Amino acid sequence: LEGTSDVNVTPTVGVMVRPDDRLSFGAMYHHEKNMTFEGGDGTLTNVAPAALYNAVEQQITDLGGTSYALSTEVGLPHILSLGASYQVHPRARVELDAVHWSWSNFEELALTFDPDATGQLSSTIPEEYEDTWQWRAGAELDLGAGWSGLLGYVHDKTPQPKASMSPLLPDADRNDWSLGVHHARGSW
């Protein structure tokens, strides 16, 4: 599938407040977007086994052949991130974040084929995604000599209802852990 896609760009707004050296709060908002795909060329393959192709060739021709111009539009979510960080010890900081994804903006995947003389190719696949919250936690420990240890956790609930699960866009709840180190030396 080749073509052009366009995403309407909207601003991101964020704010961070640090009432003292130990505590900070932050919020960020990305407005929802629609991604439009137009002018793509698509070719239907495996329309019929070779032995049957001659028998159905006229029907395929009546449908418009095997080459089409394709277009669709996909709704992308707004993202609202809220976070707080606290220095629990002179050498340790923890952070908690909550991220709201408005995946209900992804209601359907409408595929428009041109030509579609009979109206049998163009279709709409209902998706009916749901809004979800993602929960994050992290910690940073100062190990000395410019080294820090990092630990993170994310619980990400899928926005996809069971009725929409398919090989097209498979998804599931996730629990992700991360572990890392950071080293600062001079201006690096």
N, C-alpha and C. Protein backbone atom coordinates (compact mmCIF):
# COMPACT_ATOMS: atom_id res chain seq x y z
N LEU A 1 0.85 -1.16 0.00
CA LEU A 1 0.00 0.00 0.00
C LEU A 1 0.90 1.22 0.00
N GLU A 2 0.80 2.04 -1.04
CA GLU A 2 1.59 3.25 -1.13
C GLU A 2 0.66 4.43 -1.30
N GLY A 3 1.04 5.56 -0.78
CA GLY A 3 0.22 6.76 -0.91
C GLY A 3 0.74 7.83 0.02
N THR A 4 -0.06 8.83 0.28
CA THR A 4 0.34 9.91 1.17
C THR A 4 -0.56 9.90 2.39
N SER A 5 0.01 10.25 3.51
CA SER A 5 -0.80 10.38 4.72
C SER A 5 -0.61 11.78 5.26
N ASP A 6 -1.61 12.25 5.96
CA ASP A 6 -1.59 13.59 6.50
C ASP A 6 -2.17 13.54 7.91
N VAL A 7 -1.48 14.16 8.85
CA VAL A 7 -1.97 14.25 10.21
C VAL A 7 -2.18 15.72 10.51
N ASN A 8 -3.42 16.07 10.92
CA ASN A 8 -3.64 17.46 11.28
C ASN A 8 -2.88 17.73 12.59
N VAL A 9 -2.01 18.72 12.56
CA VAL A 9 -1.14 19.00 13.69
C VAL A 9 -1.84 19.94 14.66
N THR A 10 -1.82 19.56 15.92
CA THR A 10 -2.42 20.38 16.97
C THR A 10 -1.38 20.60 18.05
N PRO A 11 -1.49 21.67 18.80
CA PRO A 11 -0.46 21.98 19.78
C PRO A 11 -0.48 21.03 20.98
N THR A 12 0.66 20.96 21.61
CA THR A 12 0.82 20.26 22.87
C THR A 12 1.03 21.32 23.94
N VAL A 13 0.34 21.16 25.04
CA VAL A 13 0.44 22.12 26.14
C VAL A 13 0.96 21.38 27.35
N GLY A 14 1.93 21.96 28.05
CA GLY A 14 2.46 21.32 29.24
C GLY A 14 2.85 22.35 30.28
N VAL A 15 2.86 21.92 31.53
CA VAL A 15 3.27 22.79 32.62
C VAL A 15 3.95 21.92 33.68
N MET A 16 4.98 22.51 34.33
CA MET A 16 5.64 21.82 35.43
C MET A 16 5.79 22.82 36.56
N VAL A 17 5.46 22.38 37.77
CA VAL A 17 5.54 23.22 38.95
C VAL A 17 6.46 22.54 39.95
N ARG A 18 7.40 23.31 40.50
CA ARG A 18 8.31 22.78 41.50
C ARG A 18 8.24 23.68 42.73
N PRO A 19 7.32 23.34 43.69
CA PRO A 19 7.16 24.20 44.85
C PRO A 19 8.40 24.25 45.75
N ASP A 20 9.21 23.19 45.74
CA ASP A 20 10.48 23.19 46.48
C ASP A 20 11.42 22.21 45.80
N ASP A 21 12.61 22.03 46.37
CA ASP A 21 13.62 21.16 45.74
C ASP A 21 13.26 19.68 45.77
N ARG A 22 12.30 19.30 46.61
CA ARG A 22 11.98 17.88 46.75
C ARG A 22 10.76 17.45 45.94
N LEU A 23 9.86 18.36 45.65
CA LEU A 23 8.58 18.01 45.05
C LEU A 23 8.38 18.72 43.72
N SER A 24 7.84 17.98 42.74
CA SER A 24 7.47 18.61 41.46
C SER A 24 6.22 17.92 40.91
N PHE A 25 5.41 18.71 40.22
CA PHE A 25 4.18 18.23 39.58
C PHE A 25 4.24 18.63 38.12
N GLY A 26 3.65 17.82 37.27
CA GLY A 26 3.61 18.17 35.86
C GLY A 26 2.33 17.69 35.21
N ALA A 27 1.96 18.37 34.14
CA ALA A 27 0.80 17.98 33.33
C ALA A 27 1.10 18.32 31.88
N MET A 28 0.60 17.48 30.98
CA MET A 28 0.79 17.70 29.55
C MET A 28 -0.46 17.22 28.82
N TYR A 29 -0.82 17.92 27.76
CA TYR A 29 -2.00 17.54 26.98
C TYR A 29 -1.69 17.64 25.49
N HIS A 30 -1.93 16.55 24.76
CA HIS A 30 -1.89 16.51 23.29
C HIS A 30 -3.33 16.37 22.84
N HIS A 31 -3.78 17.24 21.96
CA HIS A 31 -5.15 17.15 21.46
C HIS A 31 -5.28 15.97 20.50
N GLU A 32 -6.49 15.39 20.42
CA GLU A 32 -6.71 14.26 19.50
C GLU A 32 -6.49 14.72 18.06
N LYS A 33 -6.18 13.76 17.20
CA LYS A 33 -5.86 14.05 15.80
C LYS A 33 -6.56 13.04 14.91
N ASN A 34 -6.68 13.37 13.65
CA ASN A 34 -7.15 12.42 12.65
C ASN A 34 -6.06 12.27 11.61
N MET A 35 -5.72 11.03 11.31
CA MET A 35 -4.72 10.75 10.29
C MET A 35 -5.46 10.31 9.03
N THR A 36 -5.23 11.03 7.94
CA THR A 36 -5.91 10.75 6.68
C THR A 36 -4.92 10.15 5.70
N PHE A 37 -5.33 9.08 5.05
CA PHE A 37 -4.52 8.43 4.03
C PHE A 37 -5.30 8.51 2.72
N GLU A 38 -4.69 9.15 1.71
CA GLU A 38 -5.37 9.31 0.42
C GLU A 38 -4.40 9.05 -0.72
N GLY A 39 -4.95 8.69 -1.85
CA GLY A 39 -4.17 8.56 -3.07
C GLY A 39 -3.29 7.35 -3.12
N GLY A 40 -3.55 6.39 -2.25
CA GLY A 40 -2.75 5.18 -2.24
C GLY A 40 -3.17 4.22 -3.33
N ASP A 41 -2.22 3.48 -3.82
CA ASP A 41 -2.50 2.45 -4.81
C ASP A 41 -2.49 1.10 -4.12
N GLY A 42 -3.50 0.32 -4.36
CA GLY A 42 -3.58 -1.00 -3.77
C GLY A 42 -3.86 -2.03 -4.85
N THR A 43 -3.31 -3.20 -4.67
CA THR A 43 -3.54 -4.29 -5.60
C THR A 43 -4.05 -5.48 -4.81
N LEU A 44 -5.19 -6.00 -5.20
CA LEU A 44 -5.72 -7.20 -4.57
C LEU A 44 -4.97 -8.40 -5.13
N THR A 45 -4.43 -9.20 -4.23
CA THR A 45 -3.72 -10.41 -4.66
C THR A 45 -4.43 -11.62 -4.07
N ASN A 46 -4.12 -12.77 -4.59
CA ASN A 46 -4.75 -14.00 -4.14
C ASN A 46 -6.27 -13.91 -4.22
N VAL A 47 -6.76 -13.24 -5.27
CA VAL A 47 -8.20 -13.07 -5.45
C VAL A 47 -8.86 -14.43 -5.65
N ALA A 48 -8.24 -15.28 -6.38
CA ALA A 48 -8.77 -16.63 -6.60
C ALA A 48 -7.60 -17.52 -7.00
N PRO A 49 -7.66 -18.79 -6.64
CA PRO A 49 -6.60 -19.69 -7.10
C PRO A 49 -6.52 -19.68 -8.62
N ALA A 50 -5.33 -19.89 -9.15
CA ALA A 50 -5.10 -19.82 -10.60
C ALA A 50 -6.10 -20.67 -11.38
N ALA A 51 -6.43 -21.85 -10.87
CA ALA A 51 -7.35 -22.73 -11.59
C ALA A 51 -8.75 -22.14 -11.68
N LEU A 52 -9.14 -21.29 -10.73
CA LEU A 52 -10.47 -20.70 -10.73
C LEU A 52 -10.49 -19.29 -11.33
N TYR A 53 -9.31 -18.67 -11.47
CA TYR A 53 -9.26 -17.26 -11.87
C TYR A 53 -10.01 -17.01 -13.17
N ASN A 54 -9.84 -17.89 -14.18
CA ASN A 54 -10.54 -17.68 -15.47
C ASN A 54 -12.05 -17.70 -15.29
N ALA A 55 -12.54 -18.54 -14.37
CA ALA A 55 -13.99 -18.65 -14.16
C ALA A 55 -14.55 -17.40 -13.49
N VAL A 56 -13.75 -16.73 -12.67
CA VAL A 56 -14.25 -15.54 -11.96
C VAL A 56 -13.67 -14.24 -12.51
N GLU A 57 -12.89 -14.33 -13.58
CA GLU A 57 -12.23 -13.13 -14.13
C GLU A 57 -13.25 -12.03 -14.47
N GLN A 58 -14.38 -12.39 -15.05
CA GLN A 58 -15.38 -11.38 -15.41
C GLN A 58 -15.95 -10.71 -14.15
N GLN A 59 -16.19 -11.50 -13.11
CA GLN A 59 -16.69 -10.91 -11.86
C GLN A 59 -15.66 -9.95 -11.26
N ILE A 60 -14.38 -10.33 -11.31
CA ILE A 60 -13.32 -9.45 -10.80
C ILE A 60 -13.27 -8.17 -11.63
N THR A 61 -13.39 -8.29 -12.94
CA THR A 61 -13.40 -7.12 -13.82
C THR A 61 -14.61 -6.24 -13.51
N ASP A 62 -15.78 -6.85 -13.28
CA ASP A 62 -16.98 -6.08 -12.95
C ASP A 62 -16.84 -5.32 -11.64
N LEU A 63 -16.06 -5.88 -10.71
CA LEU A 63 -15.82 -5.20 -9.44
C LEU A 63 -14.83 -4.05 -9.59
N GLY A 64 -14.11 -3.98 -10.70
CA GLY A 64 -13.14 -2.92 -10.92
C GLY A 64 -11.73 -3.42 -11.13
N GLY A 65 -11.55 -4.73 -11.21
CA GLY A 65 -10.21 -5.28 -11.44
C GLY A 65 -9.50 -5.54 -10.13
N THR A 66 -8.18 -5.55 -10.19
CA THR A 66 -7.39 -5.82 -8.99
C THR A 66 -6.58 -4.62 -8.53
N SER A 67 -6.63 -3.49 -9.26
CA SER A 67 -5.89 -2.29 -8.86
C SER A 67 -6.87 -1.18 -8.50
N TYR A 68 -6.62 -0.53 -7.36
CA TYR A 68 -7.55 0.47 -6.83
C TYR A 68 -6.79 1.63 -6.22
N ALA A 69 -7.47 2.74 -6.13
CA ALA A 69 -7.02 3.85 -5.29
C ALA A 69 -7.70 3.65 -3.94
N LEU A 70 -6.94 3.79 -2.86
CA LEU A 70 -7.46 3.55 -1.52
C LEU A 70 -7.38 4.81 -0.67
N SER A 71 -8.33 4.96 0.24
CA SER A 71 -8.28 6.05 1.20
C SER A 71 -8.95 5.62 2.50
N THR A 72 -8.50 6.23 3.60
CA THR A 72 -9.09 5.98 4.91
C THR A 72 -8.73 7.12 5.84
N GLU A 73 -9.35 7.15 7.01
CA GLU A 73 -9.03 8.12 8.04
C GLU A 73 -9.08 7.39 9.38
N VAL A 74 -8.07 7.65 10.21
CA VAL A 74 -7.98 6.99 11.51
C VAL A 74 -7.94 8.06 12.60
N GLY A 75 -8.82 7.93 13.59
CA GLY A 75 -8.82 8.85 14.73
C GLY A 75 -7.78 8.44 15.75
N LEU A 76 -6.90 9.38 16.12
CA LEU A 76 -5.88 9.14 17.13
C LEU A 76 -6.29 9.83 18.43
N PRO A 77 -5.86 9.31 19.56
CA PRO A 77 -6.37 9.80 20.85
C PRO A 77 -5.75 11.11 21.31
N HIS A 78 -6.47 11.80 22.22
CA HIS A 78 -5.78 12.84 22.99
C HIS A 78 -4.99 12.11 24.07
N ILE A 79 -3.96 12.77 24.56
CA ILE A 79 -3.15 12.19 25.62
C ILE A 79 -3.04 13.23 26.74
N LEU A 80 -3.49 12.86 27.91
CA LEU A 80 -3.37 13.71 29.09
C LEU A 80 -2.45 13.01 30.08
N SER A 81 -1.31 13.63 30.37
CA SER A 81 -0.33 13.06 31.30
C SER A 81 -0.27 13.90 32.56
N LEU A 82 -0.35 13.24 33.71
CA LEU A 82 -0.24 13.88 35.01
C LEU A 82 0.85 13.16 35.78
N GLY A 83 1.75 13.90 36.41
CA GLY A 83 2.83 13.26 37.13
C GLY A 83 3.27 14.03 38.34
N ALA A 84 3.87 13.31 39.28
CA ALA A 84 4.43 13.91 40.48
C ALA A 84 5.72 13.19 40.82
N SER A 85 6.70 13.96 41.24
CA SER A 85 8.00 13.42 41.60
C SER A 85 8.36 13.94 42.99
N TYR A 86 8.96 13.05 43.82
CA TYR A 86 9.30 13.45 45.18
C TYR A 86 10.65 12.88 45.57
N GLN A 87 11.50 13.72 46.14
CA GLN A 87 12.82 13.32 46.63
C GLN A 87 12.61 12.72 48.03
N VAL A 88 12.51 11.39 48.12
CA VAL A 88 12.21 10.73 49.39
C VAL A 88 13.43 10.64 50.31
N HIS A 89 14.60 10.80 49.74
CA HIS A 89 15.87 10.72 50.46
C HIS A 89 16.85 11.58 49.67
N PRO A 90 17.89 12.10 50.30
CA PRO A 90 18.84 12.91 49.51
C PRO A 90 19.42 12.19 48.29
N ARG A 91 19.38 10.84 48.29
CA ARG A 91 19.93 10.09 47.17
C ARG A 91 18.87 9.30 46.40
N ALA A 92 17.58 9.53 46.69
CA ALA A 92 16.53 8.75 46.02
C ALA A 92 15.32 9.62 45.69
N ARG A 93 14.83 9.46 44.46
CA ARG A 93 13.64 10.18 43.98
C ARG A 93 12.68 9.15 43.39
N VAL A 94 11.37 9.33 43.67
CA VAL A 94 10.35 8.47 43.08
C VAL A 94 9.39 9.34 42.27
N GLU A 95 8.77 8.72 41.28
CA GLU A 95 7.83 9.43 40.42
C GLU A 95 6.63 8.54 40.15
N LEU A 96 5.44 9.14 40.13
CA LEU A 96 4.20 8.45 39.77
C LEU A 96 3.53 9.25 38.67
N ASP A 97 3.04 8.55 37.66
CA ASP A 97 2.38 9.19 36.52
C ASP A 97 1.09 8.46 36.18
N ALA A 98 0.13 9.22 35.69
CA ALA A 98 -1.11 8.66 35.16
C ALA A 98 -1.30 9.29 33.78
N VAL A 99 -1.57 8.45 32.78
CA VAL A 99 -1.73 8.94 31.41
C VAL A 99 -3.09 8.48 30.90
N HIS A 100 -3.91 9.43 30.49
CA HIS A 100 -5.23 9.12 29.93
C HIS A 100 -5.15 9.17 28.41
N TRP A 101 -5.60 8.09 27.76
CA TRP A 101 -5.63 7.98 26.29
C TRP A 101 -7.09 7.93 25.87
N SER A 102 -7.52 8.86 25.01
CA SER A 102 -8.92 8.88 24.56
C SER A 102 -9.08 8.06 23.28
N TRP A 103 -8.80 6.78 23.40
CA TRP A 103 -8.88 5.90 22.22
C TRP A 103 -10.31 5.76 21.69
N SER A 104 -11.31 6.27 22.39
CA SER A 104 -12.67 6.20 21.85
C SER A 104 -12.79 7.01 20.56
N ASN A 105 -11.77 7.82 20.25
CA ASN A 105 -11.72 8.54 18.97
C ASN A 105 -11.50 7.58 17.79
N PHE A 106 -11.03 6.37 18.06
CA PHE A 106 -10.84 5.36 17.02
C PHE A 106 -12.06 4.46 17.00
N GLU A 107 -13.12 4.93 16.35
CA GLU A 107 -14.39 4.22 16.32
C GLU A 107 -14.47 3.18 15.22
N GLU A 108 -13.83 3.47 14.09
CA GLU A 108 -13.94 2.56 12.95
C GLU A 108 -12.77 2.75 12.01
N LEU A 109 -12.58 1.77 11.16
CA LEU A 109 -11.60 1.84 10.08
C LEU A 109 -12.39 1.71 8.79
N ALA A 110 -12.61 2.85 8.13
CA ALA A 110 -13.38 2.87 6.88
C ALA A 110 -12.41 2.79 5.71
N LEU A 111 -12.53 1.77 4.90
CA LEU A 111 -11.67 1.58 3.73
C LEU A 111 -12.49 1.89 2.48
N THR A 112 -12.02 2.88 1.71
CA THR A 112 -12.72 3.27 0.49
C THR A 112 -11.87 2.87 -0.71
N PHE A 113 -12.43 2.02 -1.56
CA PHE A 113 -11.77 1.58 -2.79
C PHE A 113 -12.36 2.35 -3.96
N ASP A 114 -11.51 2.76 -4.89
CA ASP A 114 -11.97 3.45 -6.09
C ASP A 114 -11.21 2.89 -7.28
N PRO A 115 -11.88 2.29 -8.25
CA PRO A 115 -13.33 2.22 -8.41
C PRO A 115 -13.94 1.11 -7.57
N ASP A 116 -15.19 1.30 -7.22
CA ASP A 116 -15.97 0.30 -6.49
C ASP A 116 -17.38 0.35 -7.05
N ALA A 117 -17.50 -0.10 -8.29
CA ALA A 117 -18.76 0.02 -9.03
C ALA A 117 -19.93 -0.63 -8.33
N THR A 118 -19.70 -1.74 -7.65
CA THR A 118 -20.80 -2.46 -7.01
C THR A 118 -20.96 -2.11 -5.53
N GLY A 119 -19.99 -1.41 -4.95
CA GLY A 119 -20.04 -1.08 -3.54
C GLY A 119 -19.69 -2.25 -2.64
N GLN A 120 -19.18 -3.33 -3.21
CA GLN A 120 -18.89 -4.53 -2.43
C GLN A 120 -17.49 -4.52 -1.82
N LEU A 121 -16.59 -3.68 -2.33
CA LEU A 121 -15.22 -3.67 -1.81
C LEU A 121 -15.04 -2.72 -0.64
N SER A 122 -15.56 -1.51 -0.77
CA SER A 122 -15.43 -0.53 0.31
C SER A 122 -16.17 -1.06 1.52
N SER A 123 -15.55 -0.88 2.69
CA SER A 123 -16.17 -1.40 3.89
C SER A 123 -15.74 -0.59 5.10
N THR A 124 -16.47 -0.77 6.17
CA THR A 124 -16.15 -0.13 7.44
C THR A 124 -16.01 -1.22 8.49
N ILE A 125 -14.86 -1.23 9.13
CA ILE A 125 -14.59 -2.21 10.19
C ILE A 125 -14.80 -1.50 11.52
N PRO A 126 -15.81 -1.90 12.29
CA PRO A 126 -16.02 -1.24 13.59
C PRO A 126 -14.87 -1.59 14.54
N GLU A 127 -14.35 -0.60 15.22
CA GLU A 127 -13.28 -0.83 16.20
C GLU A 127 -13.75 -0.53 17.62
N GLU A 128 -14.45 0.59 17.82
CA GLU A 128 -15.05 0.94 19.12
C GLU A 128 -14.06 0.87 20.28
N TYR A 129 -12.86 1.41 20.06
CA TYR A 129 -11.87 1.44 21.14
C TYR A 129 -12.40 2.24 22.32
N GLU A 130 -11.84 1.99 23.49
CA GLU A 130 -12.29 2.62 24.73
C GLU A 130 -11.18 3.49 25.31
N ASP A 131 -11.56 4.53 26.04
CA ASP A 131 -10.59 5.35 26.74
C ASP A 131 -9.94 4.51 27.83
N THR A 132 -8.65 4.74 28.07
CA THR A 132 -7.94 3.98 29.11
C THR A 132 -6.98 4.89 29.87
N TRP A 133 -6.59 4.40 31.03
CA TRP A 133 -5.55 5.03 31.82
C TRP A 133 -4.33 4.12 31.83
N GLN A 134 -3.16 4.72 31.75
CA GLN A 134 -1.90 4.00 31.87
C GLN A 134 -1.24 4.51 33.16
N TRP A 135 -0.74 3.59 33.97
CA TRP A 135 -0.14 3.95 35.24
C TRP A 135 1.36 3.66 35.18
N ARG A 136 2.15 4.63 35.66
CA ARG A 136 3.61 4.49 35.60
C ARG A 136 4.22 4.83 36.96
N ALA A 137 5.32 4.16 37.31
CA ALA A 137 6.06 4.46 38.52
C ALA A 137 7.54 4.32 38.20
N GLY A 138 8.33 5.17 38.82
CA GLY A 138 9.76 5.10 38.58
C GLY A 138 10.53 5.54 39.80
N ALA A 139 11.79 5.12 39.86
CA ALA A 139 12.67 5.50 40.96
C ALA A 139 14.07 5.70 40.42
N GLU A 140 14.77 6.66 41.02
CA GLU A 140 16.17 6.92 40.67
C GLU A 140 16.96 6.96 41.97
N LEU A 141 18.06 6.21 42.03
CA LEU A 141 18.90 6.13 43.21
C LEU A 141 20.30 6.61 42.85
N ASP A 142 20.78 7.62 43.55
CA ASP A 142 22.14 8.13 43.33
C ASP A 142 23.13 7.13 43.93
N LEU A 143 23.95 6.51 43.09
CA LEU A 143 24.90 5.50 43.53
C LEU A 143 26.27 6.09 43.83
N GLY A 144 26.46 7.38 43.58
CA GLY A 144 27.74 8.04 43.83
C GLY A 144 28.64 7.99 42.62
N ALA A 145 29.66 8.83 42.62
CA ALA A 145 30.66 8.91 41.55
C ALA A 145 30.02 9.14 40.18
N GLY A 146 28.91 9.88 40.14
CA GLY A 146 28.25 10.20 38.87
C GLY A 146 27.32 9.10 38.34
N TRP A 147 27.11 8.05 39.10
CA TRP A 147 26.27 6.94 38.66
C TRP A 147 24.91 6.99 39.35
N SER A 148 23.85 6.63 38.59
CA SER A 148 22.50 6.51 39.13
C SER A 148 21.91 5.19 38.65
N GLY A 149 21.11 4.58 39.51
CA GLY A 149 20.35 3.39 39.14
C GLY A 149 18.90 3.79 38.90
N LEU A 150 18.26 3.21 37.90
CA LEU A 150 16.90 3.57 37.51
C LEU A 150 16.03 2.32 37.49
N LEU A 151 14.78 2.46 37.96
CA LEU A 151 13.83 1.37 37.94
C LEU A 151 12.48 1.93 37.53
N GLY A 152 11.77 1.24 36.63
CA GLY A 152 10.47 1.73 36.18
C GLY A 152 9.46 0.61 36.01
N TYR A 153 8.19 0.99 36.09
CA TYR A 153 7.09 0.04 35.90
C TYR A 153 5.95 0.77 35.19
N VAL A 154 5.30 0.08 34.25
CA VAL A 154 4.14 0.63 33.54
C VAL A 154 3.06 -0.44 33.49
N HIS A 155 1.83 -0.05 33.87
CA HIS A 155 0.67 -0.91 33.64
C HIS A 155 -0.15 -0.23 32.56
N ASP A 156 -0.27 -0.90 31.42
CA ASP A 156 -0.95 -0.34 30.25
C ASP A 156 -2.15 -1.22 29.92
N LYS A 157 -3.34 -0.68 30.13
CA LYS A 157 -4.58 -1.43 29.85
C LYS A 157 -4.95 -1.20 28.38
N THR A 158 -5.23 -2.26 27.68
CA THR A 158 -5.57 -2.14 26.26
C THR A 158 -6.87 -1.36 26.07
N PRO A 159 -6.91 -0.50 25.04
CA PRO A 159 -8.15 0.21 24.72
C PRO A 159 -9.07 -0.62 23.83
N GLN A 160 -8.57 -1.76 23.37
CA GLN A 160 -9.28 -2.54 22.36
C GLN A 160 -10.28 -3.49 23.02
N PRO A 161 -11.57 -3.34 22.68
CA PRO A 161 -12.55 -4.30 23.20
C PRO A 161 -12.36 -5.67 22.55
N LYS A 162 -12.76 -6.71 23.23
CA LYS A 162 -12.59 -8.06 22.70
C LYS A 162 -13.25 -8.24 21.35
N ALA A 163 -14.36 -7.55 21.11
CA ALA A 163 -15.07 -7.68 19.83
C ALA A 163 -14.25 -7.16 18.66
N SER A 164 -13.25 -6.29 18.93
CA SER A 164 -12.44 -5.71 17.85
C SER A 164 -11.12 -6.44 17.65
N MET A 165 -10.80 -7.41 18.49
CA MET A 165 -9.51 -8.09 18.36
C MET A 165 -9.46 -8.89 17.08
N SER A 166 -8.35 -8.69 16.37
CA SER A 166 -8.14 -9.40 15.10
C SER A 166 -6.65 -9.34 14.77
N PRO A 167 -6.20 -10.06 13.76
CA PRO A 167 -4.81 -9.95 13.35
C PRO A 167 -4.45 -8.56 12.80
N LEU A 168 -5.47 -7.76 12.44
CA LEU A 168 -5.21 -6.43 11.90
C LEU A 168 -4.51 -5.55 12.93
N LEU A 169 -5.04 -5.47 14.14
CA LEU A 169 -4.46 -4.65 15.21
C LEU A 169 -4.56 -5.40 16.54
N PRO A 170 -3.78 -6.45 16.75
CA PRO A 170 -3.90 -7.19 18.00
C PRO A 170 -3.34 -6.37 19.16
N ASP A 171 -3.95 -6.47 20.33
CA ASP A 171 -3.50 -5.74 21.49
C ASP A 171 -3.86 -6.52 22.75
N ALA A 172 -3.23 -6.16 23.86
CA ALA A 172 -3.50 -6.81 25.15
C ALA A 172 -3.01 -5.91 26.27
N ASP A 173 -3.46 -6.17 27.49
CA ASP A 173 -2.93 -5.46 28.65
C ASP A 173 -1.45 -5.79 28.79
N ARG A 174 -0.68 -4.82 29.28
CA ARG A 174 0.76 -5.04 29.44
C ARG A 174 1.23 -4.57 30.82
N ASN A 175 2.19 -5.28 31.36
CA ASN A 175 2.93 -4.87 32.55
C ASN A 175 4.40 -4.88 32.15
N ASP A 176 5.00 -3.70 32.10
CA ASP A 176 6.37 -3.57 31.62
C ASP A 176 7.28 -3.07 32.74
N TRP A 177 8.43 -3.69 32.87
CA TRP A 177 9.44 -3.29 33.85
C TRP A 177 10.67 -2.80 33.10
N SER A 178 11.35 -1.83 33.66
CA SER A 178 12.59 -1.37 33.06
C SER A 178 13.63 -1.17 34.16
N LEU A 179 14.88 -1.36 33.79
CA LEU A 179 15.99 -1.24 34.71
C LEU A 179 17.11 -0.55 33.93
N GLY A 180 17.77 0.41 34.55
CA GLY A 180 18.81 1.09 33.82
C GLY A 180 19.84 1.74 34.74
N VAL A 181 20.87 2.24 34.11
CA VAL A 181 21.90 3.01 34.81
C VAL A 181 22.13 4.29 34.04
N HIS A 182 22.56 5.32 34.75
CA HIS A 182 22.87 6.61 34.16
C HIS A 182 24.22 7.03 34.69
N HIS A 183 25.06 7.59 33.81
CA HIS A 183 26.36 8.07 34.26
C HIS A 183 26.57 9.48 33.73
N ALA A 184 26.93 10.37 34.62
CA ALA A 184 27.25 11.76 34.25
C ALA A 184 28.70 12.00 34.58
N ARG A 185 29.41 12.60 33.60
CA ARG A 185 30.83 12.88 33.81
C ARG A 185 31.14 14.22 33.17
N GLY A 186 31.53 15.16 33.98
CA GLY A 186 31.84 16.49 33.48
C GLY A 186 30.60 17.09 32.80
N SER A 187 30.77 17.55 31.57
CA SER A 187 29.64 18.12 30.83
C SER A 187 28.85 17.05 30.08
N TRP A 188 29.26 15.79 30.20
CA TRP A 188 28.54 14.69 29.53
C TRP A 188 27.52 14.12 30.46
